[in-house]
Amino acid sequence: MTLNIDVISDVICPWCYIGKRRMERAIALAGREDVRVRWRPFQLNPTMPIKGISRKEYRSNKFGSWERSLALDATVAEAGQAEGISFRFDNIEKTPNTLNAHRLIWLADQEGVQDAVVETLFRAYFTEGQDLTSNSCLLDLASQGGLDRRRTEAFLESSDGLAAVQDEEDQARRAGVQGVPLFIINDSVVLSGAREPSAFLEAFRSLNAESPPNALPEVCDARPDGEPNC
């Protein structure tokens, strides 16, 4: 049976990056070569200014102090290290608006290079601190991920993909999605959070089970005000 995994995520959610690595480990452990992964959009900050805002200001206001934000970053960095991810939160200057990044992911799906582009975006933001609101930056990352630079430039300057991305996100919110990452396997098993590979393996084996494995709290939450809890 072919495995189709839809991943609802945002590129500024560190647990989505960690969840990607754990999912990939599970697929390798299962020896599966019949897996299709599709990345679905979810903006944790849909009302974020198009150019984003200072991460230090944003996180300090959200968590009450910069020290509290640093402590939370350290917890995520430790989890990421176990998955081979070197989180460099000190390199990140701003919390960006991610709409154009999601449009780029949508385009990459049409071109068959979606996973490569998603990986490039995660790495650029979390380890290199690149500005995902910059079209120049997105063009460089698109090229690294296998997209044609000239076509991508024309795409970003247009409104192509905008309605599709917004429609997918609206569908997720209407379905009750409030946190990411969310993994939907063959439209029947749902895993919420950056689950350990064992949870994915269990899901692969029990697609017909009535109840999916219990969720873990390792998610970024979007509360009604649009703020992420991560």
Protein backbone atom coordinates (compact mmCIF):
# COMPACT_ATOMS: atom_id res chain seq x y z
CA MET A 1 0.00 0.00 0.00
CA THR A 2 1.35 3.39 -1.01
CA LEU A 3 1.72 5.83 1.87
CA ASN A 4 0.51 9.37 1.24
CA ILE A 5 1.54 11.73 4.02
CA ASP A 6 0.15 15.26 4.09
CA VAL A 7 2.11 17.49 6.45
CA ILE A 8 0.42 20.68 7.60
CA SER A 9 3.20 22.98 8.73
CA ASP A 10 4.79 26.41 8.78
CA VAL A 11 8.41 27.07 7.90
CA ILE A 12 8.96 29.11 11.10
CA CYS A 13 7.87 26.24 13.35
CA PRO A 14 10.98 24.49 14.72
CA TRP A 15 8.98 21.42 15.73
CA CYS A 16 7.95 21.06 12.08
CA TYR A 17 11.63 20.79 11.15
CA ILE A 18 12.23 18.26 13.92
CA GLY A 19 9.08 16.38 12.90
CA LYS A 20 10.34 16.21 9.31
CA ARG A 21 13.54 14.53 10.47
CA ARG A 22 11.66 12.04 12.67
CA MET A 23 9.25 11.19 9.86
CA GLU A 24 12.17 10.62 7.51
CA ARG A 25 13.85 8.34 10.03
CA ALA A 26 10.66 6.32 10.37
CA ILE A 27 10.33 5.94 6.60
CA ALA A 28 13.94 4.73 6.41
CA LEU A 29 13.47 2.33 9.33
CA ALA A 30 10.37 0.92 7.68
CA GLY A 31 12.26 0.43 4.43
CA ARG A 32 9.45 2.17 2.58
CA GLU A 33 10.08 3.41 -0.93
CA ASP A 34 6.40 3.95 -1.73
CA VAL A 35 5.87 7.14 0.27
CA ARG A 36 4.62 10.42 -1.10
CA VAL A 37 4.92 13.42 1.19
CA ARG A 38 3.07 16.64 0.46
CA TRP A 39 3.56 19.82 2.48
CA ARG A 40 0.42 21.82 3.21
CA PRO A 41 0.34 25.50 4.28
CA PHE A 42 -0.48 26.86 7.70
CA GLN A 43 0.51 30.38 8.75
CA LEU A 44 1.10 30.69 12.46
CA ASN A 45 1.12 34.46 12.04
CA PRO A 46 -1.38 35.22 9.24
CA THR A 47 -1.57 38.89 10.24
CA MET A 48 2.19 39.39 10.47
CA PRO A 49 3.40 42.48 8.53
CA ILE A 50 4.67 41.44 5.12
CA LYS A 51 8.27 42.26 6.07
CA GLY A 52 8.02 40.66 9.51
CA ILE A 53 9.15 42.14 12.82
CA SER A 54 12.15 41.88 15.12
CA ARG A 55 12.32 38.38 16.59
CA LYS A 56 13.71 39.66 19.88
CA GLU A 57 10.89 42.18 20.23
CA TYR A 58 8.27 39.65 19.18
CA ARG A 59 9.46 36.85 21.46
CA SER A 60 10.08 39.14 24.43
CA ASN A 61 6.55 40.48 24.21
CA LYS A 62 5.09 37.03 23.73
CA PHE A 63 6.90 35.21 26.54
CA GLY A 64 7.32 38.09 28.95
CA SER A 65 11.09 38.38 28.64
CA TRP A 66 13.96 37.66 26.28
CA GLU A 67 15.44 35.35 28.91
CA ARG A 68 12.32 33.16 28.82
CA SER A 69 12.53 33.04 25.02
CA LEU A 70 16.16 31.97 25.18
CA ALA A 71 15.29 29.17 27.61
CA LEU A 72 12.62 27.87 25.25
CA ASP A 73 15.02 28.08 22.32
CA ALA A 74 17.54 26.00 24.26
CA THR A 75 14.97 23.23 24.75
CA VAL A 76 14.20 23.15 21.04
CA ALA A 77 17.89 23.25 20.13
CA GLU A 78 18.56 20.22 22.33
CA ALA A 79 15.78 18.25 20.63
CA GLY A 80 17.05 19.35 17.24
CA GLN A 81 20.61 18.28 17.98
CA ALA A 82 19.39 14.72 18.53
CA GLU A 83 17.96 14.83 15.00
CA GLY A 84 21.06 16.30 13.38
CA ILE A 85 19.66 19.83 13.19
CA SER A 86 21.86 22.69 14.32
CA PHE A 87 19.39 25.37 15.35
CA ARG A 88 21.04 28.79 15.36
CA PHE A 89 18.37 31.02 16.82
CA ASP A 90 21.03 33.66 17.43
CA ASN A 91 21.25 34.13 13.65
CA ILE A 92 17.55 34.95 13.27
CA GLU A 93 16.87 38.68 13.29
CA LYS A 94 13.16 38.71 12.49
CA THR A 95 9.98 36.68 12.67
CA PRO A 96 8.78 36.75 9.06
CA ASN A 97 5.49 36.67 7.24
CA THR A 98 5.53 33.25 5.53
CA LEU A 99 2.87 33.64 2.83
CA ASN A 100 5.35 33.85 -0.05
CA ALA A 101 7.35 30.96 1.37
CA HIS A 102 4.17 28.87 1.27
CA ARG A 103 3.51 29.99 -2.30
CA LEU A 104 7.01 28.83 -3.17
CA ILE A 105 6.30 25.44 -1.58
CA TRP A 106 3.08 25.24 -3.61
CA LEU A 107 5.02 25.93 -6.83
CA ALA A 108 7.62 23.34 -5.89
CA ASP A 109 4.83 20.77 -5.58
CA GLN A 110 3.77 21.50 -9.15
CA GLU A 111 7.37 20.98 -10.28
CA GLY A 112 8.01 17.79 -8.29
CA VAL A 113 10.70 19.26 -6.01
CA GLN A 114 8.58 20.21 -2.99
CA ASP A 115 10.47 18.30 -0.31
CA ALA A 116 13.81 19.71 -1.46
CA VAL A 117 12.47 23.27 -1.33
CA VAL A 118 10.92 22.73 2.11
CA GLU A 119 14.24 21.42 3.42
CA THR A 120 16.05 24.42 1.94
CA LEU A 121 13.64 26.86 3.58
CA PHE A 122 13.92 25.21 6.99
CA ARG A 123 17.71 25.19 6.84
CA ALA A 124 17.93 28.76 5.61
CA TYR A 125 15.74 30.11 8.40
CA PHE A 126 16.76 27.99 11.37
CA THR A 127 20.48 27.52 10.80
CA GLU A 128 21.45 30.47 8.60
CA GLY A 129 18.98 33.10 9.81
CA GLN A 130 18.02 34.12 6.29
CA ASP A 131 15.19 36.57 5.66
CA LEU A 132 12.25 34.62 4.23
CA THR A 133 10.42 37.87 3.41
CA SER A 134 13.06 38.77 0.81
CA ASN A 135 12.26 37.75 -2.77
CA SER A 136 15.97 37.70 -3.51
CA CYS A 137 16.49 35.21 -0.70
CA LEU A 138 13.52 33.10 -1.82
CA LEU A 139 14.86 33.02 -5.38
CA ASP A 140 18.24 31.76 -4.18
CA LEU A 141 16.57 29.08 -2.07
CA ALA A 142 14.23 28.09 -4.90
CA SER A 143 17.20 27.60 -7.18
CA GLN A 144 18.98 25.50 -4.55
CA GLY A 145 15.85 23.37 -4.23
CA GLY A 146 15.64 22.66 -7.95
CA LEU A 147 13.27 25.35 -9.26
CA ASP A 148 14.06 27.45 -12.31
CA ARG A 149 15.13 30.89 -11.12
CA ARG A 150 13.58 32.93 -13.94
CA ARG A 151 10.25 31.14 -13.74
CA THR A 152 10.23 31.49 -9.97
CA GLU A 153 10.95 35.21 -10.19
CA ALA A 154 7.97 35.71 -12.50
CA PHE A 155 5.87 33.56 -10.18
CA LEU A 156 6.71 35.59 -7.07
CA GLU A 157 5.99 38.84 -8.87
CA SER A 158 2.52 37.55 -9.80
CA SER A 159 -0.38 36.39 -7.64
CA ASP A 160 -0.11 32.81 -8.88
CA GLY A 161 -0.64 30.20 -6.18
CA LEU A 162 -2.02 32.73 -3.72
CA ALA A 163 -5.64 31.56 -3.91
CA ALA A 164 -4.60 27.91 -3.74
CA VAL A 165 -2.46 28.46 -0.63
CA GLN A 166 -5.14 30.49 1.11
CA ASP A 167 -7.80 27.92 0.23
CA GLU A 168 -5.73 25.04 1.64
CA GLU A 169 -5.07 26.97 4.84
CA ASP A 170 -8.74 27.89 5.18
CA GLN A 171 -9.66 24.23 4.78
CA ALA A 172 -7.25 23.27 7.55
CA ARG A 173 -8.66 25.88 9.94
CA ARG A 174 -12.24 24.86 9.14
CA ALA A 175 -11.24 21.27 9.89
CA GLY A 176 -10.12 22.40 13.34
CA VAL A 177 -6.35 22.48 12.86
CA GLN A 178 -4.86 24.67 15.59
CA GLY A 179 -1.28 23.46 15.79
CA VAL A 180 1.53 22.22 13.58
CA PRO A 181 3.08 19.94 12.57
CA LEU A 182 0.14 17.71 11.75
CA PHE A 183 0.76 14.52 9.78
CA ILE A 184 -2.18 12.93 7.95
CA ILE A 185 -1.39 9.45 6.65
CA ASN A 186 -3.57 8.03 3.88
CA ASP A 187 -6.40 10.32 4.99
CA SER A 188 -7.05 8.06 7.97
CA VAL A 189 -4.36 8.32 10.66
CA VAL A 190 -3.45 11.68 12.15
CA LEU A 191 -0.30 12.34 14.16
CA SER A 192 -0.09 15.67 15.94
CA GLY A 193 3.29 17.05 16.92
CA ALA A 194 6.92 16.14 16.29
CA ARG A 195 6.35 12.48 17.02
CA GLU A 196 9.14 9.99 17.58
CA PRO A 197 9.80 7.55 14.70
CA SER A 198 8.10 4.78 16.71
CA ALA A 199 4.78 6.64 16.45
CA PHE A 200 5.09 6.82 12.68
CA LEU A 201 6.01 3.14 12.48
CA GLU A 202 2.96 2.27 14.55
CA ALA A 203 0.80 4.39 12.28
CA PHE A 204 2.21 2.72 9.17
CA ARG A 205 1.30 -0.69 10.63
CA SER A 206 -2.15 0.20 11.85
CA LEU A 207 -3.73 2.42 9.21
CA ASN A 208 -7.07 0.74 9.80
CA ALA A 209 -7.07 1.36 13.56
CA GLU A 210 -10.02 3.37 14.76
CA SER A 211 -7.94 5.56 17.08
CA PRO A 212 -4.59 7.15 16.15
CA PRO A 213 -1.69 7.24 18.66
CA ASN A 214 -1.94 9.85 21.39
CA ALA A 215 -0.65 13.31 20.50
CA LEU A 216 2.40 14.92 22.06
CA PRO A 217 2.60 18.62 22.96
CA GLU A 218 5.57 19.30 20.68
CA VAL A 219 3.64 21.58 18.35
CA CYS A 220 3.38 25.21 17.45
CA ASP A 221 -0.12 26.37 18.31
CA ALA A 222 -2.11 29.03 16.52
CA ARG A 223 -4.49 30.56 19.02
CA PRO A 224 -7.51 32.60 17.85
CA ASP A 225 -5.34 35.73 17.87
CA GLY A 226 -2.97 34.12 15.37
CA GLU A 227 -0.03 33.92 17.76
CA PRO A 228 2.17 30.80 17.71
CA ASN A 229 2.88 29.01 20.99
CA CYS A 230 6.45 27.96 20.17
